[in-house]
N, C-alpha and C. Protein backbone atom coordinates (compact mmCIF):
# COMPACT_ATOMS: atom_id res chain seq x y z
N UNK A 1 -11.57 -13.48 -14.21
CA UNK A 1 -12.41 -12.51 -13.54
C UNK A 1 -11.58 -11.57 -12.66
N UNK A 2 -10.63 -12.10 -11.92
CA UNK A 2 -9.80 -11.27 -11.06
C UNK A 2 -9.00 -10.26 -11.87
N UNK A 3 -8.50 -10.69 -13.03
CA UNK A 3 -7.69 -9.80 -13.85
C UNK A 3 -8.47 -8.54 -14.21
N UNK A 4 -9.74 -8.70 -14.56
CA UNK A 4 -10.57 -7.54 -14.91
C UNK A 4 -10.70 -6.57 -13.73
N UNK A 5 -10.88 -7.11 -12.54
CA UNK A 5 -11.01 -6.26 -11.35
C UNK A 5 -9.70 -5.56 -11.04
N UNK A 6 -8.58 -6.26 -11.21
CA UNK A 6 -7.28 -5.64 -11.01
C UNK A 6 -7.11 -4.47 -11.97
N UNK A 7 -7.55 -4.65 -13.22
CA UNK A 7 -7.43 -3.57 -14.21
C UNK A 7 -8.26 -2.36 -13.80
N UNK A 8 -9.45 -2.59 -13.31
CA UNK A 8 -10.30 -1.48 -12.87
C UNK A 8 -9.66 -0.74 -11.70
N UNK A 9 -9.14 -1.49 -10.73
CA UNK A 9 -8.51 -0.88 -9.57
C UNK A 9 -7.23 -0.14 -9.96
N UNK A 10 -6.43 -0.72 -10.84
CA UNK A 10 -5.20 -0.08 -11.29
C UNK A 10 -5.52 1.22 -12.02
N UNK A 11 -6.62 1.23 -12.76
CA UNK A 11 -7.04 2.44 -13.46
C UNK A 11 -7.41 3.57 -12.52
N UNK A 12 -7.70 3.21 -11.27
CA UNK A 12 -8.01 4.21 -10.25
C UNK A 12 -6.80 4.53 -9.38
N UNK A 13 -5.63 4.02 -9.79
CA UNK A 13 -4.39 4.38 -9.12
C UNK A 13 -3.91 3.44 -8.04
N UNK A 14 -4.49 2.26 -7.91
CA UNK A 14 -4.07 1.31 -6.88
C UNK A 14 -2.82 0.56 -7.33
N UNK A 15 -1.71 0.86 -6.69
CA UNK A 15 -0.44 0.25 -7.10
C UNK A 15 -0.42 -1.26 -6.84
N UNK A 16 -1.07 -1.72 -5.78
CA UNK A 16 -1.08 -3.16 -5.52
C UNK A 16 -1.82 -3.91 -6.63
N UNK A 17 -2.85 -3.30 -7.18
CA UNK A 17 -3.57 -3.91 -8.30
C UNK A 17 -2.68 -3.96 -9.53
N UNK A 18 -1.89 -2.92 -9.75
CA UNK A 18 -0.96 -2.91 -10.89
C UNK A 18 0.07 -4.01 -10.73
N UNK A 19 0.57 -4.21 -9.51
CA UNK A 19 1.50 -5.31 -9.25
C UNK A 19 0.82 -6.64 -9.56
N UNK A 20 -0.41 -6.81 -9.13
CA UNK A 20 -1.13 -8.07 -9.37
C UNK A 20 -1.36 -8.31 -10.86
N UNK A 21 -1.59 -7.25 -11.62
CA UNK A 21 -1.71 -7.39 -13.08
C UNK A 21 -0.40 -7.95 -13.64
N UNK A 22 0.71 -7.39 -13.17
CA UNK A 22 2.01 -7.87 -13.62
C UNK A 22 2.23 -9.34 -13.30
N UNK A 23 1.86 -9.74 -12.10
CA UNK A 23 2.01 -11.13 -11.69
C UNK A 23 1.15 -12.03 -12.58
N UNK A 24 -0.09 -11.61 -12.85
CA UNK A 24 -0.97 -12.39 -13.73
C UNK A 24 -0.38 -12.51 -15.13
N UNK A 25 0.15 -11.42 -15.64
CA UNK A 25 0.74 -11.44 -16.99
C UNK A 25 1.97 -12.34 -17.06
N UNK A 26 2.79 -12.31 -16.02
CA UNK A 26 3.98 -13.15 -16.00
C UNK A 26 3.63 -14.63 -15.97
N UNK A 27 2.58 -14.97 -15.25
CA UNK A 27 2.21 -16.37 -15.11
C UNK A 27 1.14 -16.84 -16.06
N UNK A 28 0.56 -15.93 -16.83
CA UNK A 28 -0.53 -16.30 -17.71
C UNK A 28 -1.78 -16.70 -16.94
N UNK A 29 -1.98 -16.09 -15.79
CA UNK A 29 -3.10 -16.42 -14.91
C UNK A 29 -4.32 -15.56 -15.25
N UNK A 30 -5.26 -16.13 -15.96
CA UNK A 30 -6.48 -15.41 -16.33
C UNK A 30 -6.32 -14.52 -17.55
N UNK A 31 -5.14 -14.55 -18.14
CA UNK A 31 -4.81 -13.71 -19.29
C UNK A 31 -3.63 -14.35 -20.01
N UNK A 32 -3.43 -14.01 -21.28
CA UNK A 32 -2.28 -14.54 -22.00
C UNK A 32 -0.97 -14.09 -21.38
N UNK A 33 0.00 -14.98 -21.36
CA UNK A 33 1.30 -14.65 -20.77
C UNK A 33 2.01 -13.60 -21.60
N UNK A 34 2.53 -12.56 -20.92
CA UNK A 34 3.24 -11.48 -21.58
C UNK A 34 4.31 -10.97 -20.60
N UNK A 35 5.51 -11.51 -20.73
CA UNK A 35 6.59 -11.21 -19.79
C UNK A 35 6.95 -9.73 -19.78
N UNK A 36 7.13 -9.14 -20.94
CA UNK A 36 7.55 -7.73 -21.01
C UNK A 36 6.50 -6.82 -20.38
N UNK A 37 5.25 -7.04 -20.70
CA UNK A 37 4.18 -6.20 -20.15
C UNK A 37 4.02 -6.45 -18.65
N UNK A 38 4.18 -7.70 -18.23
CA UNK A 38 4.09 -8.02 -16.81
C UNK A 38 5.17 -7.31 -16.00
N UNK A 39 6.39 -7.36 -16.48
CA UNK A 39 7.48 -6.67 -15.79
C UNK A 39 7.27 -5.16 -15.77
N UNK A 40 6.73 -4.62 -16.86
CA UNK A 40 6.48 -3.17 -16.91
C UNK A 40 5.43 -2.77 -15.86
N UNK A 41 4.42 -3.60 -15.69
CA UNK A 41 3.38 -3.30 -14.70
C UNK A 41 3.95 -3.37 -13.28
N UNK A 42 4.76 -4.38 -13.03
CA UNK A 42 5.37 -4.51 -11.71
C UNK A 42 6.30 -3.33 -11.45
N UNK A 43 7.06 -2.93 -12.47
CA UNK A 43 7.97 -1.79 -12.29
C UNK A 43 7.19 -0.51 -12.01
N UNK A 44 6.09 -0.31 -12.70
CA UNK A 44 5.26 0.87 -12.48
C UNK A 44 4.74 0.91 -11.04
N UNK A 45 4.31 -0.25 -10.53
CA UNK A 45 3.83 -0.33 -9.15
C UNK A 45 4.97 -0.08 -8.17
N UNK A 46 6.15 -0.61 -8.48
CA UNK A 46 7.32 -0.41 -7.62
C UNK A 46 7.69 1.07 -7.56
N UNK A 47 7.60 1.75 -8.69
CA UNK A 47 7.91 3.18 -8.74
C UNK A 47 6.93 4.00 -7.89
N UNK A 48 5.73 3.44 -7.64
CA UNK A 48 4.74 4.09 -6.78
C UNK A 48 4.96 3.71 -5.31
N UNK A 49 5.97 2.88 -5.05
CA UNK A 49 6.33 2.52 -3.68
C UNK A 49 5.65 1.29 -3.13
N UNK A 50 5.00 0.50 -3.97
CA UNK A 50 4.34 -0.71 -3.49
C UNK A 50 5.40 -1.73 -3.06
N UNK A 51 5.35 -2.16 -1.80
CA UNK A 51 6.40 -3.04 -1.27
C UNK A 51 6.40 -4.41 -1.92
N UNK A 52 5.24 -4.98 -2.23
CA UNK A 52 5.20 -6.27 -2.90
C UNK A 52 5.79 -6.16 -4.30
N UNK A 53 5.51 -5.06 -4.97
CA UNK A 53 6.05 -4.84 -6.31
C UNK A 53 7.57 -4.67 -6.26
N UNK A 54 8.06 -3.97 -5.26
CA UNK A 54 9.50 -3.81 -5.11
C UNK A 54 10.18 -5.17 -4.93
N UNK A 55 9.57 -6.02 -4.11
CA UNK A 55 10.10 -7.37 -3.93
C UNK A 55 10.05 -8.16 -5.23
N UNK A 56 8.88 -8.12 -5.90
CA UNK A 56 8.73 -8.87 -7.14
C UNK A 56 9.71 -8.41 -8.21
N UNK A 57 9.88 -7.10 -8.32
CA UNK A 57 10.80 -6.56 -9.32
C UNK A 57 12.22 -7.02 -9.03
N UNK A 58 12.64 -6.94 -7.76
CA UNK A 58 13.99 -7.38 -7.40
C UNK A 58 14.17 -8.86 -7.69
N UNK A 59 13.17 -9.65 -7.38
CA UNK A 59 13.24 -11.09 -7.64
C UNK A 59 13.41 -11.37 -9.13
N UNK A 60 12.62 -10.71 -9.96
CA UNK A 60 12.68 -10.97 -11.40
C UNK A 60 13.94 -10.42 -12.03
N UNK A 61 14.46 -9.31 -11.52
CA UNK A 61 15.73 -8.80 -12.03
C UNK A 61 16.86 -9.76 -11.68
N UNK A 62 16.84 -10.26 -10.45
CA UNK A 62 17.87 -11.19 -10.02
C UNK A 62 17.81 -12.50 -10.80
N UNK A 63 16.59 -12.95 -11.10
CA UNK A 63 16.40 -14.20 -11.83
C UNK A 63 16.66 -14.06 -13.33
N UNK A 64 16.64 -12.83 -13.82
CA UNK A 64 16.85 -12.62 -15.25
C UNK A 64 15.59 -12.82 -16.06
N UNK A 65 14.44 -12.69 -15.44
CA UNK A 65 13.16 -12.85 -16.15
C UNK A 65 13.08 -11.84 -17.28
N UNK A 66 12.90 -12.31 -18.49
CA UNK A 66 12.74 -11.43 -19.63
C UNK A 66 14.03 -10.81 -20.14
N UNK A 67 15.17 -11.21 -19.64
CA UNK A 67 16.44 -10.62 -20.08
C UNK A 67 17.59 -11.14 -19.25
N UNK A 68 18.65 -10.38 -19.24
CA UNK A 68 19.83 -10.78 -18.47
C UNK A 68 19.62 -10.54 -16.99
N UNK A 69 20.32 -11.34 -16.18
CA UNK A 69 20.28 -11.14 -14.74
C UNK A 69 20.90 -9.79 -14.42
N UNK A 70 20.32 -9.10 -13.43
CA UNK A 70 20.86 -7.82 -12.99
C UNK A 70 21.10 -7.94 -11.49
N UNK A 71 22.32 -8.25 -11.14
CA UNK A 71 22.67 -8.46 -9.74
C UNK A 71 23.25 -7.22 -9.08
N UNK A 72 23.21 -6.10 -9.77
CA UNK A 72 23.78 -4.86 -9.22
C UNK A 72 22.96 -4.30 -8.10
């Protein structure tokens, strides 16, 4: 149920909702797990300046989620 509301809010330009969609996709919370799509959503929110998304993106890049670690 939350995932649907996040999608509606993200469609209206809410970057925090886009970040939450990414988190749900990464964890398979309320939706099928999709690492690539989850990271793309978090990156999109980060590009809009969402602080939680910036943190999440940095964490996943450092951890190597979905690819190689990026410690640069």
